[in-house]
Amino acid sequence: IFVGVIPLATGMILNLVADRDFKKHRTTVKPFAESAVLITTGVYRLSRNPMYLGFELILIGVALLLGSLSPLAVVLLFPLLLESRFIRAEERMLAQQFGQSWVTYQNEVRRWI
């Protein structure tokens, strides 16, 4: 059961670090809002969506801590929801705004991990 603390803590740290990067670069963390800059450093070198990855790790940690199978349904459905409702639209916006810089970044860094 306590093995859930590891993904929970990792997800929280990942989200805090990613949020710090947004503030450092003075751009918005809000989905669908126009970004001031394309962040490709820090945790964004490892994942194009470190905050969404952090949320997923938090959900995994909570599911493990609860010790029940039912929360695992959320763990499985959450990335699908993110993909269909947020990531695709956000990536279209980034492609339109940053052009070749986005394409290069997209080709070099995986969406999740």
PDB file of N, CA and C in Angstrom:
ATOM      1  N   ILE A   1       0.835  -1.198   0.000  1.00  0.00           N
ATOM      2  CA  ILE A   1       0.000   0.000   0.000  1.00  0.00           C
ATOM      3  C   ILE A   1       0.875   1.255   0.000  1.00  0.00           C
ATOM      4  N   PHE A   2       1.905   1.293   0.835  1.00  0.00           N
ATOM      5  CA  PHE A   2       2.727   2.498   0.920  1.00  0.00           C
ATOM      6  C   PHE A   2       3.571   2.729  -0.327  1.00  0.00           C
ATOM      7  N   VAL A   3       3.607   1.747  -1.222  1.00  0.00           N
ATOM      8  CA  VAL A   3       4.311   1.939  -2.484  1.00  0.00           C
ATOM      9  C   VAL A   3       3.648   3.071  -3.286  1.00  0.00           C
ATOM     10  N   GLY A   4       2.411   3.388  -2.976  1.00  0.00           N
ATOM     11  CA  GLY A   4       1.715   4.487  -3.637  1.00  0.00           C
ATOM     12  C   GLY A   4       2.300   5.847  -3.332  1.00  0.00           C
ATOM     13  N   VAL A   5       3.044   5.948  -2.245  1.00  0.00           N
ATOM     14  CA  VAL A   5       3.657   7.229  -1.879  1.00  0.00           C
ATOM     15  C   VAL A   5       4.682   7.652  -2.938  1.00  0.00           C
ATOM     16  N   ILE A   6       5.354   6.696  -3.538  1.00  0.00           N
ATOM     17  CA  ILE A   6       6.401   7.020  -4.516  1.00  0.00           C
ATOM     18  C   ILE A   6       5.819   7.718  -5.747  1.00  0.00           C
ATOM     19  N   PRO A   7       4.824   7.134  -6.442  1.00  0.00           N
ATOM     20  CA  PRO A   7       4.275   7.870  -7.590  1.00  0.00           C
ATOM     21  C   PRO A   7       3.546   9.152  -7.174  1.00  0.00           C
ATOM     22  N   LEU A   8       2.904   9.133  -6.013  1.00  0.00           N
ATOM     23  CA  LEU A   8       2.213  10.325  -5.533  1.00  0.00           C
ATOM     24  C   LEU A   8       3.203  11.469  -5.335  1.00  0.00           C
ATOM     25  N   ALA A   9       4.286  11.225  -4.628  1.00  0.00           N
ATOM     26  CA  ALA A   9       5.297  12.258  -4.386  1.00  0.00           C
ATOM     27  C   ALA A   9       5.986  12.683  -5.680  1.00  0.00           C
ATOM     28  N   THR A  10       6.291  11.719  -6.536  1.00  0.00           N
ATOM     29  CA  THR A  10       6.931  12.036  -7.814  1.00  0.00           C
ATOM     30  C   THR A  10       6.035  12.932  -8.654  1.00  0.00           C
ATOM     31  N   GLY A  11       4.752  12.616  -8.709  1.00  0.00           N
ATOM     32  CA  GLY A  11       3.801  13.430  -9.466  1.00  0.00           C
ATOM     33  C   GLY A  11       3.682  14.835  -8.920  1.00  0.00           C
ATOM     34  N   MET A  12       3.652  14.948  -7.608  1.00  0.00           N
ATOM     35  CA  MET A  12       3.563  16.272  -6.994  1.00  0.00           C
ATOM     36  C   MET A  12       4.807  17.098  -7.293  1.00  0.00           C
ATOM     37  N   ILE A  13       5.963  16.494  -7.167  1.00  0.00           N
ATOM     38  CA  ILE A  13       7.222  17.203  -7.454  1.00  0.00           C
ATOM     39  C   ILE A  13       7.285  17.604  -8.920  1.00  0.00           C
ATOM     40  N   LEU A  14       6.903  16.698  -9.803  1.00  0.00           N
ATOM     41  CA  LEU A  14       6.908  16.980 -11.237  1.00  0.00           C
ATOM     42  C   LEU A  14       6.008  18.176 -11.551  1.00  0.00           C
ATOM     43  N   ASN A  15       4.829  18.217 -10.958  1.00  0.00           N
ATOM     44  CA  ASN A  15       3.917  19.336 -11.194  1.00  0.00           C
ATOM     45  C   ASN A  15       4.476  20.644 -10.653  1.00  0.00           C
ATOM     46  N   LEU A  16       5.077  20.596  -9.483  1.00  0.00           N
ATOM     47  CA  LEU A  16       5.656  21.813  -8.913  1.00  0.00           C
ATOM     48  C   LEU A  16       6.815  22.343  -9.758  1.00  0.00           C
ATOM     49  N   VAL A  17       7.655  21.444 -10.225  1.00  0.00           N
ATOM     50  CA  VAL A  17       8.794  21.844 -11.062  1.00  0.00           C
ATOM     51  C   VAL A  17       8.303  22.407 -12.393  1.00  0.00           C
ATOM     52  N   ALA A  18       7.330  21.744 -13.003  1.00  0.00           N
ATOM     53  CA  ALA A  18       6.792  22.225 -14.280  1.00  0.00           C
ATOM     54  C   ALA A  18       6.123  23.583 -14.105  1.00  0.00           C
ATOM     55  N   ASP A  19       5.371  23.752 -13.025  1.00  0.00           N
ATOM     56  CA  ASP A  19       4.731  25.034 -12.747  1.00  0.00           C
ATOM     57  C   ASP A  19       5.773  26.133 -12.542  1.00  0.00           C
ATOM     58  N   ARG A  20       6.848  25.791 -11.855  1.00  0.00           N
ATOM     59  CA  ARG A  20       7.940  26.753 -11.654  1.00  0.00           C
ATOM     60  C   ARG A  20       8.521  27.195 -12.996  1.00  0.00           C
ATOM     61  N   ASP A  21       8.649  26.231 -13.937  1.00  0.00           N
ATOM     62  CA  ASP A  21       9.169  26.572 -15.261  1.00  0.00           C
ATOM     63  C   ASP A  21       8.238  27.540 -15.995  1.00  0.00           C
ATOM     64  N   PHE A  22       6.927  27.331 -15.859  1.00  0.00           N
ATOM     65  CA  PHE A  22       5.984  28.268 -16.473  1.00  0.00           C
ATOM     66  C   PHE A  22       6.181  29.671 -15.904  1.00  0.00           C
ATOM     67  N   LYS A  23       6.303  29.768 -14.599  1.00  0.00           N
ATOM     68  CA  LYS A  23       6.494  31.076 -13.957  1.00  0.00           C
ATOM     69  C   LYS A  23       7.833  31.694 -14.343  1.00  0.00           C
ATOM     70  N   LYS A  24       8.869  30.877 -14.401  1.00  0.00           N
ATOM     71  CA  LYS A  24      10.203  31.353 -14.766  1.00  0.00           C
ATOM     72  C   LYS A  24      10.198  31.975 -16.165  1.00  0.00           C
ATOM     73  N   HIS A  25       9.463  31.360 -17.071  1.00  0.00           N
ATOM     74  CA  HIS A  25       9.406  31.830 -18.461  1.00  0.00           C
ATOM     75  C   HIS A  25       8.250  32.801 -18.707  1.00  0.00           C
ATOM     76  N   ARG A  26       7.531  33.125 -17.635  1.00  0.00           N
ATOM     77  CA  ARG A  26       6.422  34.090 -17.699  1.00  0.00           C
ATOM     78  C   ARG A  26       5.398  33.741 -18.776  1.00  0.00           C
ATOM     79  N   THR A  27       4.949  32.504 -18.722  1.00  0.00           N
ATOM     80  CA  THR A  27       3.895  32.067 -19.629  1.00  0.00           C
ATOM     81  C   THR A  27       2.786  31.417 -18.812  1.00  0.00           C
ATOM     82  N   THR A  28       1.673  31.190 -19.436  1.00  0.00           N
ATOM     83  CA  THR A  28       0.506  30.703 -18.721  1.00  0.00           C
ATOM     84  C   THR A  28       0.499  29.181 -18.577  1.00  0.00           C
ATOM     85  N   VAL A  29      -0.091  28.735 -17.495  1.00  0.00           N
ATOM     86  CA  VAL A  29      -0.272  27.312 -17.250  1.00  0.00           C
ATOM     87  C   VAL A  29      -1.689  26.900 -17.666  1.00  0.00           C
ATOM     88  N   LYS A  30      -2.525  27.858 -17.986  1.00  0.00           N
ATOM     89  CA  LYS A  30      -3.929  27.599 -18.303  1.00  0.00           C
ATOM     90  C   LYS A  30      -4.070  26.902 -19.655  1.00  0.00           C
ATOM     91  N   PRO A  31      -4.807  25.789 -19.685  1.00  0.00           N
ATOM     92  CA  PRO A  31      -5.060  25.125 -20.975  1.00  0.00           C
ATOM     93  C   PRO A  31      -5.792  26.068 -21.931  1.00  0.00           C
ATOM     94  N   PHE A  32      -5.443  26.013 -23.176  1.00  0.00           N
ATOM     95  CA  PHE A  32      -6.066  26.759 -24.272  1.00  0.00           C
ATOM     96  C   PHE A  32      -5.737  28.247 -24.276  1.00  0.00           C
ATOM     97  N   ALA A  33      -4.963  28.720 -23.317  1.00  0.00           N
ATOM     98  CA  ALA A  33      -4.514  30.115 -23.337  1.00  0.00           C
ATOM     99  C   ALA A  33      -3.228  30.192 -24.162  1.00  0.00           C
ATOM    100  N   GLU A  34      -3.039  31.300 -24.839  1.00  0.00           N
ATOM    101  CA  GLU A  34      -1.863  31.442 -25.695  1.00  0.00           C
ATOM    102  C   GLU A  34      -0.596  31.519 -24.858  1.00  0.00           C
ATOM    103  N   SER A  35       0.387  30.717 -25.241  1.00  0.00           N
ATOM    104  CA  SER A  35       1.667  30.683 -24.542  1.00  0.00           C
ATOM    105  C   SER A  35       2.560  31.826 -25.006  1.00  0.00           C
ATOM    106  N   ALA A  36       3.311  32.385 -24.072  1.00  0.00           N
ATOM    107  CA  ALA A  36       4.247  33.453 -24.411  1.00  0.00           C
ATOM    108  C   ALA A  36       5.533  32.892 -25.001  1.00  0.00           C
ATOM    109  N   VAL A  37       5.849  31.644 -24.629  1.00  0.00           N
ATOM    110  CA  VAL A  37       7.100  31.030 -25.059  1.00  0.00           C
ATOM    111  C   VAL A  37       6.918  29.510 -25.099  1.00  0.00           C
ATOM    112  N   LEU A  38       7.661  28.852 -25.956  1.00  0.00           N
ATOM    113  CA  LEU A  38       7.678  27.395 -26.014  1.00  0.00           C
ATOM    114  C   LEU A  38       8.783  26.911 -25.081  1.00  0.00           C
ATOM    115  N   ILE A  39       8.402  26.271 -23.994  1.00  0.00           N
ATOM    116  CA  ILE A  39       9.389  25.799 -23.019  1.00  0.00           C
ATOM    117  C   ILE A  39       9.899  24.433 -23.459  1.00  0.00           C
ATOM    118  N   THR A  40      11.208  24.327 -23.626  1.00  0.00           N
ATOM    119  CA  THR A  40      11.815  23.062 -24.076  1.00  0.00           C
ATOM    120  C   THR A  40      12.943  22.612 -23.152  1.00  0.00           C
ATOM    121  N   THR A  41      13.074  23.283 -22.023  1.00  0.00           N
ATOM    122  CA  THR A  41      14.151  22.971 -21.080  1.00  0.00           C
ATOM    123  C   THR A  41      13.558  22.387 -19.796  1.00  0.00           C
ATOM    124  N   GLY A  42      14.433  22.024 -18.880  1.00  0.00           N
ATOM    125  CA  GLY A  42      13.974  21.469 -17.607  1.00  0.00           C
ATOM    126  C   GLY A  42      13.234  20.159 -17.818  1.00  0.00           C
ATOM    127  N   VAL A  43      12.118  19.998 -17.123  1.00  0.00           N
ATOM    128  CA  VAL A  43      11.343  18.756 -17.256  1.00  0.00           C
ATOM    129  C   VAL A  43      10.714  18.634 -18.635  1.00  0.00           C
ATOM    130  N   TYR A  44      10.640  19.741 -19.363  1.00  0.00           N
ATOM    131  CA  TYR A  44      10.081  19.712 -20.717  1.00  0.00           C
ATOM    132  C   TYR A  44      11.059  19.109 -21.727  1.00  0.00           C
ATOM    133  N   ARG A  45      12.270  18.814 -21.307  1.00  0.00           N
ATOM    134  CA  ARG A  45      13.207  18.060 -22.149  1.00  0.00           C
ATOM    135  C   ARG A  45      12.844  16.577 -22.139  1.00  0.00           C
ATOM    136  N   LEU A  46      12.143  16.144 -21.083  1.00  0.00           N
ATOM    137  CA  LEU A  46      11.818  14.735 -20.887  1.00  0.00           C
ATOM    138  C   LEU A  46      10.410  14.384 -21.342  1.00  0.00           C
ATOM    139  N   SER A  47       9.503  15.334 -21.262  1.00  0.00           N
ATOM    140  CA  SER A  47       8.101  15.103 -21.599  1.00  0.00           C
ATOM    141  C   SER A  47       7.494  16.402 -22.101  1.00  0.00           C
ATOM    142  N   ARG A  48       6.673  16.313 -23.144  1.00  0.00           N
ATOM    143  CA  ARG A  48       5.976  17.508 -23.620  1.00  0.00           C
ATOM    144  C   ARG A  48       4.846  17.895 -22.668  1.00  0.00           C
ATOM    145  N   ASN A  49       4.431  16.963 -21.829  1.00  0.00           N
ATOM    146  CA  ASN A  49       3.314  17.212 -20.912  1.00  0.00           C
ATOM    147  C   ASN A  49       3.649  16.775 -19.489  1.00  0.00           C
ATOM    148  N   PRO A  50       4.675  17.362 -18.881  1.00  0.00           N
ATOM    149  CA  PRO A  50       5.056  16.892 -17.548  1.00  0.00           C
ATOM    150  C   PRO A  50       3.983  17.116 -16.487  1.00  0.00           C
ATOM    151  N   MET A  51       3.167  18.143 -16.649  1.00  0.00           N
ATOM    152  CA  MET A  51       2.116  18.360 -15.645  1.00  0.00           C
ATOM    153  C   MET A  51       1.034  17.291 -15.756  1.00  0.00           C
ATOM    154  N   TYR A  52       0.648  16.955 -16.960  1.00  0.00           N
ATOM    155  CA  TYR A  52      -0.344  15.885 -17.129  1.00  0.00           C
ATOM    156  C   TYR A  52       0.235  14.555 -16.646  1.00  0.00           C
ATOM    157  N   LEU A  53       1.507  14.328 -16.923  1.00  0.00           N
ATOM    158  CA  LEU A  53       2.174  13.128 -16.422  1.00  0.00           C
ATOM    159  C   LEU A  53       2.181  13.134 -14.894  1.00  0.00           C
ATOM    160  N   GLY A  54       2.438  14.285 -14.306  1.00  0.00           N
ATOM    161  CA  GLY A  54       2.406  14.407 -12.852  1.00  0.00           C
ATOM    162  C   GLY A  54       1.034  14.086 -12.288  1.00  0.00           C
ATOM    163  N   PHE A  55      -0.022  14.595 -12.935  1.00  0.00           N
ATOM    164  CA  PHE A  55      -1.384  14.289 -12.485  1.00  0.00           C
ATOM    165  C   PHE A  55      -1.654  12.789 -12.547  1.00  0.00           C
ATOM    166  N   GLU A  56      -1.198  12.158 -13.618  1.00  0.00           N
ATOM    167  CA  GLU A  56      -1.405  10.708 -13.765  1.00  0.00           C
ATOM    168  C   GLU A  56      -0.653   9.943 -12.672  1.00  0.00           C
ATOM    169  N   LEU A  57       0.556  10.361 -12.371  1.00  0.00           N
ATOM    170  CA  LEU A  57       1.316   9.714 -11.293  1.00  0.00           C
ATOM    171  C   LEU A  57       0.623   9.899  -9.944  1.00  0.00           C
ATOM    172  N   ILE A  58       0.055  11.061  -9.723  1.00  0.00           N
ATOM    173  CA  ILE A  58      -0.696  11.294  -8.480  1.00  0.00           C
ATOM    174  C   ILE A  58      -1.878  10.342  -8.397  1.00  0.00           C
ATOM    175  N   LEU A  59      -2.601  10.188  -9.490  1.00  0.00           N
ATOM    176  CA  LEU A  59      -3.744   9.266  -9.503  1.00  0.00           C
ATOM    177  C   LEU A  59      -3.301   7.829  -9.251  1.00  0.00           C
ATOM    178  N   ILE A  60      -2.195   7.426  -9.832  1.00  0.00           N
ATOM    179  CA  ILE A  60      -1.672   6.075  -9.606  1.00  0.00           C
ATOM    180  C   ILE A  60      -1.329   5.902  -8.128  1.00  0.00           C
ATOM    181  N   GLY A  61      -0.661   6.900  -7.567  1.00  0.00           N
ATOM    182  CA  GLY A  61      -0.296   6.838  -6.156  1.00  0.00           C
ATOM    183  C   GLY A  61      -1.510   6.723  -5.252  1.00  0.00           C
ATOM    184  N   VAL A  62      -2.528   7.524  -5.520  1.00  0.00           N
ATOM    185  CA  VAL A  62      -3.751   7.477  -4.714  1.00  0.00           C
ATOM    186  C   VAL A  62      -4.431   6.117  -4.861  1.00  0.00           C
ATOM    187  N   ALA A  63      -4.503   5.605  -6.086  1.00  0.00           N
ATOM    188  CA  ALA A  63      -5.119   4.293  -6.307  1.00  0.00           C
ATOM    189  C   ALA A  63      -4.389   3.212  -5.518  1.00  0.00           C
ATOM    190  N   LEU A  64      -3.066   3.260  -5.530  1.00  0.00           N
ATOM    191  CA  LEU A  64      -2.289   2.269  -4.783  1.00  0.00           C
ATOM    192  C   LEU A  64      -2.488   2.432  -3.276  1.00  0.00           C
ATOM    193  N   LEU A  65      -2.541   3.665  -2.810  1.00  0.00           N
ATOM    194  CA  LEU A  65      -2.742   3.907  -1.386  1.00  0.00           C
ATOM    195  C   LEU A  65      -4.122   3.439  -0.920  1.00  0.00           C
ATOM    196  N   LEU A  66      -5.116   3.550  -1.788  1.00  0.00           N
ATOM    197  CA  LEU A  66      -6.457   3.099  -1.436  1.00  0.00           C
ATOM    198  C   LEU A  66      -6.557   1.579  -1.408  1.00  0.00           C
ATOM    199  N   GLY A  67      -5.660   0.921  -2.139  1.00  0.00           N
ATOM    200  CA  GLY A  67      -5.632  -0.534  -2.133  1.00  0.00           C
ATOM    201  C   GLY A  67      -6.866  -1.174  -2.732  1.00  0.00           C
ATOM    202  N   SER A  68      -7.465  -0.510  -3.702  1.00  0.00           N
ATOM    203  CA  SER A  68      -8.685  -1.012  -4.329  1.00  0.00           C
ATOM    204  C   SER A  68      -8.525  -0.976  -5.847  1.00  0.00           C
ATOM    205  N   LEU A  69      -9.241  -1.832  -6.520  1.00  0.00           N
ATOM    206  CA  LEU A  69      -9.152  -1.868  -7.982  1.00  0.00           C
ATOM    207  C   LEU A  69      -9.969  -0.771  -8.660  1.00  0.00           C
ATOM    208  N   SER A  70     -11.040  -0.318  -8.044  1.00  0.00           N
ATOM    209  CA  SER A  70     -11.925   0.649  -8.709  1.00  0.00           C
ATOM    210  C   SER A  70     -11.224   1.966  -9.080  1.00  0.00           C
ATOM    211  N   PRO A  71     -10.315   2.516  -8.270  1.00  0.00           N
ATOM    212  CA  PRO A  71      -9.642   3.747  -8.693  1.00  0.00           C
ATOM    213  C   PRO A  71      -8.753   3.554  -9.930  1.00  0.00           C
ATOM    214  N   LEU A  72      -8.399   2.311 -10.232  1.00  0.00           N
ATOM    215  CA  LEU A  72      -7.566   2.072 -11.409  1.00  0.00           C
ATOM    216  C   LEU A  72      -8.308   2.412 -12.703  1.00  0.00           C
ATOM    217  N   ALA A  73      -9.642   2.383 -12.673  1.00  0.00           N
ATOM    218  CA  ALA A  73     -10.411   2.793 -13.850  1.00  0.00           C
ATOM    219  C   ALA A  73     -10.123   4.249 -14.185  1.00  0.00           C
ATOM    220  N   VAL A  74     -10.038   5.079 -13.162  1.00  0.00           N
ATOM    221  CA  VAL A  74      -9.715   6.499 -13.369  1.00  0.00           C
ATOM    222  C   VAL A  74      -8.303   6.628 -13.934  1.00  0.00           C
ATOM    223  N   VAL A  75      -7.382   5.838 -13.410  1.00  0.00           N
ATOM    224  CA  VAL A  75      -5.991   5.859 -13.876  1.00  0.00           C
ATOM    225  C   VAL A  75      -5.924   5.536 -15.368  1.00  0.00           C
ATOM    226  N   LEU A  76      -6.750   4.606 -15.816  1.00  0.00           N
ATOM    227  CA  LEU A  76      -6.750   4.211 -17.226  1.00  0.00           C
ATOM    228  C   LEU A  76      -7.486   5.198 -18.117  1.00  0.00           C
ATOM    229  N   LEU A  77      -8.543   5.810 -17.617  1.00  0.00           N
ATOM    230  CA  LEU A  77      -9.351   6.714 -18.428  1.00  0.00           C
ATOM    231  C   LEU A  77      -8.801   8.137 -18.484  1.00  0.00           C
ATOM    232  N   PHE A  78      -8.118   8.564 -17.440  1.00  0.00           N
ATOM    233  CA  PHE A  78      -7.623   9.935 -17.366  1.00  0.00           C
ATOM    234  C   PHE A  78      -6.724  10.323 -18.546  1.00  0.00           C
ATOM    235  N   PRO A  79      -5.738   9.499 -18.925  1.00  0.00           N
ATOM    236  CA  PRO A  79      -4.906   9.895 -20.078  1.00  0.00           C
ATOM    237  C   PRO A  79      -5.703   9.979 -21.376  1.00  0.00           C
ATOM    238  N   LEU A  80      -6.706   9.140 -21.521  1.00  0.00           N
ATOM    239  CA  LEU A  80      -7.543   9.191 -22.724  1.00  0.00           C
ATOM    240  C   LEU A  80      -8.340  10.496 -22.766  1.00  0.00           C
ATOM    241  N   LEU A  81      -8.850  10.895 -21.609  1.00  0.00           N
ATOM    242  CA  LEU A  81      -9.566  12.162 -21.514  1.00  0.00           C
ATOM    243  C   LEU A  81      -8.629  13.334 -21.821  1.00  0.00           C
ATOM    244  N   LEU A  82      -7.456  13.323 -21.231  1.00  0.00           N
ATOM    245  CA  LEU A  82      -6.481  14.389 -21.491  1.00  0.00           C
ATOM    246  C   LEU A  82      -6.141  14.474 -22.973  1.00  0.00           C
ATOM    247  N   GLU A  83      -5.921  13.332 -23.565  1.00  0.00           N
ATOM    248  CA  GLU A  83      -5.568  13.275 -24.993  1.00  0.00           C
ATOM    249  C   GLU A  83      -6.674  13.878 -25.862  1.00  0.00           C
ATOM    250  N   SER A  84      -7.907  13.456 -25.622  1.00  0.00           N
ATOM    251  CA  SER A  84      -8.999  13.877 -26.488  1.00  0.00           C
ATOM    252  C   SER A  84      -9.475  15.304 -26.213  1.00  0.00           C
ATOM    253  N   ARG A  85      -9.435  15.746 -24.974  1.00  0.00           N
ATOM    254  CA  ARG A  85     -10.005  17.053 -24.617  1.00  0.00           C
ATOM    255  C   ARG A  85      -8.980  18.178 -24.518  1.00  0.00           C
ATOM    256  N   PHE A  86      -7.731  17.851 -24.258  1.00  0.00           N
ATOM    257  CA  PHE A  86      -6.743  18.900 -24.020  1.00  0.00           C
ATOM    258  C   PHE A  86      -5.536  18.823 -24.947  1.00  0.00           C
ATOM    259  N   ILE A  87      -4.843  17.699 -24.931  1.00  0.00           N
ATOM    260  CA  ILE A  87      -3.544  17.618 -25.600  1.00  0.00           C
ATOM    261  C   ILE A  87      -3.627  17.889 -27.090  1.00  0.00           C
ATOM    262  N   ARG A  88      -4.562  17.271 -27.775  1.00  0.00           N
ATOM    263  CA  ARG A  88      -4.661  17.494 -29.236  1.00  0.00           C
ATOM    264  C   ARG A  88      -4.878  18.964 -29.567  1.00  0.00           C
ATOM    265  N   ALA A  89      -5.810  19.595 -28.868  1.00  0.00           N
ATOM    266  CA  ALA A  89      -6.093  21.016 -29.126  1.00  0.00           C
ATOM    267  C   ALA A  89      -4.900  21.890 -28.761  1.00  0.00           C
ATOM    268  N   GLU A  90      -4.282  21.610 -27.632  1.00  0.00           N
ATOM    269  CA  GLU A  90      -3.122  22.402 -27.217  1.00  0.00           C
ATOM    270  C   GLU A  90      -1.982  22.252 -28.211  1.00  0.00           C
ATOM    271  N   GLU A  91      -1.767  21.053 -28.701  1.00  0.00           N
ATOM    272  CA  GLU A  91      -0.682  20.844 -29.665  1.00  0.00           C
ATOM    273  C   GLU A  91      -0.967  21.537 -30.994  1.00  0.00           C
ATOM    274  N   ARG A  92      -2.222  21.589 -31.413  1.00  0.00           N
ATOM    275  CA  ARG A  92      -2.567  22.341 -32.629  1.00  0.00           C
ATOM    276  C   ARG A  92      -2.265  23.826 -32.440  1.00  0.00           C
ATOM    277  N   MET A  93      -2.615  24.342 -31.258  1.00  0.00           N
ATOM    278  CA  MET A  93      -2.344  25.756 -30.970  1.00  0.00           C
ATOM    279  C   MET A  93      -0.844  26.042 -30.962  1.00  0.00           C
ATOM    280  N   LEU A  94      -0.069  25.151 -30.345  1.00  0.00           N
ATOM    281  CA  LEU A  94       1.379  25.344 -30.290  1.00  0.00           C
ATOM    282  C   LEU A  94       1.996  25.265 -31.679  1.00  0.00           C
ATOM    283  N   ALA A  95       1.500  24.354 -32.506  1.00  0.00           N
ATOM    284  CA  ALA A  95       2.010  24.239 -33.878  1.00  0.00           C
ATOM    285  C   ALA A  95       1.731  25.513 -34.657  1.00  0.00           C
ATOM    286  N   GLN A  96       0.544  26.048 -34.499  1.00  0.00           N
ATOM    287  CA  GLN A  96       0.183  27.274 -35.196  1.00  0.00           C
ATOM    288  C   GLN A  96       1.017  28.462 -34.704  1.00  0.00           C
ATOM    289  N   GLN A  97       1.232  28.525 -33.407  1.00  0.00           N
ATOM    290  CA  GLN A  97       1.938  29.665 -32.831  1.00  0.00           C
ATOM    291  C   GLN A  97       3.447  29.603 -33.025  1.00  0.00           C
ATOM    292  N   PHE A  98       4.038  28.391 -32.888  1.00  0.00           N
ATOM    293  CA  PHE A  98       5.502  28.290 -32.881  1.00  0.00           C
ATOM    294  C   PHE A  98       6.085  27.617 -34.122  1.00  0.00           C
ATOM    295  N   GLY A  99       5.241  27.151 -35.022  1.00  0.00           N
ATOM    296  CA  GLY A  99       5.684  26.622 -36.309  1.00  0.00           C
ATOM    297  C   GLY A  99       6.773  25.571 -36.227  1.00  0.00           C
ATOM    298  N   GLN A 100       7.877  25.815 -36.922  1.00  0.00           N
ATOM    299  CA  GLN A 100       8.958  24.840 -37.019  1.00  0.00           C
ATOM    300  C   GLN A 100       9.594  24.534 -35.665  1.00  0.00           C
ATOM    301  N   SER A 101       9.641  25.503 -34.774  1.00  0.00           N
ATOM    302  CA  SER A 101      10.190  25.246 -33.440  1.00  0.00           C
ATOM    303  C   SER A 101       9.378  24.163 -32.738  1.00  0.00           C
ATOM    304  N   TRP A 102       8.047  24.232 -32.881  1.00  0.00           N
ATOM    305  CA  TRP A 102       7.179  23.210 -32.284  1.00  0.00           C
ATOM    306  C   TRP A 102       7.416  21.855 -32.947  1.00  0.00           C
ATOM    307  N   VAL A 103       7.489  21.829 -34.258  1.00  0.00           N
ATOM    308  CA  VAL A 103       7.679  20.572 -34.988  1.00  0.00           C
ATOM    309  C   VAL A 103       8.982  19.905 -34.560  1.00  0.00           C
ATOM    310  N   THR A 104      10.037  20.680 -34.451  1.00  0.00           N
ATOM    311  CA  THR A 104      11.324  20.148 -34.007  1.00  0.00           C
ATOM    312  C   THR A 104      11.207  19.582 -32.601  1.00  0.00           C
ATOM    313  N   TYR A 105      10.608  20.351 -31.712  1.00  0.00           N
ATOM    314  CA  TYR A 105      10.427  19.904 -30.321  1.00  0.00           C
ATOM    315  C   TYR A 105       9.569  18.643 -30.268  1.00  0.00           C
ATOM    316  N   GLN A 106       8.487  18.638 -31.004  1.00  0.00           N
ATOM    317  CA  GLN A 106       7.582  17.490 -31.040  1.00  0.00           C
ATOM    318  C   GLN A 106       8.300  16.235 -31.527  1.00  0.00           C
ATOM    319  N   ASN A 107       9.204  16.384 -32.465  1.00  0.00           N
ATOM    320  CA  ASN A 107       9.946  15.245 -32.990  1.00  0.00           C
ATOM    321  C   ASN A 107      11.037  14.751 -32.037  1.00  0.00           C
ATOM    322  N   GLU A 108      11.500  15.620 -31.157  1.00  0.00           N
ATOM    323  CA  GLU A 108      12.606  15.273 -30.255  1.00  0.00           C
ATOM    324  C   GLU A 108      12.142  14.795 -28.876  1.00  0.00           C
ATOM    325  N   VAL A 109      10.954  15.217 -28.448  1.00  0.00           N
ATOM    326  CA  VAL A 109      10.504  14.917 -27.084  1.00  0.00           C
ATOM    327  C   VAL A 109       9.162  14.183 -27.143  1.00  0.00           C
ATOM    328  N   ARG A 110       9.086  13.105 -26.400  1.00  0.00           N
ATOM    329  CA  ARG A 110       7.861  12.294 -26.371  1.00  0.00           C
ATOM    330  C   ARG A 110       6.738  13.033 -25.641  1.00  0.00           C
ATOM    331  N   ARG A 111       5.519  12.672 -25.988  1.00  0.00           N
ATOM    332  CA  ARG A 111       4.353  13.318 -25.394  1.00  0.00           C
ATOM    333  C   ARG A 111       4.279  13.046 -23.896  1.00  0.00           C
ATOM    334  N   TRP A 112       4.495  11.825 -23.491  1.00  0.00           N
ATOM    335  CA  TRP A 112       4.391  11.456 -22.069  1.00  0.00           C
ATOM    336  C   TRP A 112       5.789  11.254 -21.490  1.00  0.00           C
ATOM    337  N   ILE A 113       6.373  10.102 -21.737  1.00  0.00           N
ATOM    338  CA  ILE A 113       7.740   9.837 -21.252  1.00  0.00           C
ATOM    339  C   ILE A 113       8.497   9.045 -22.295  1.00  0.00           C
TER     340      ILE A 113
END
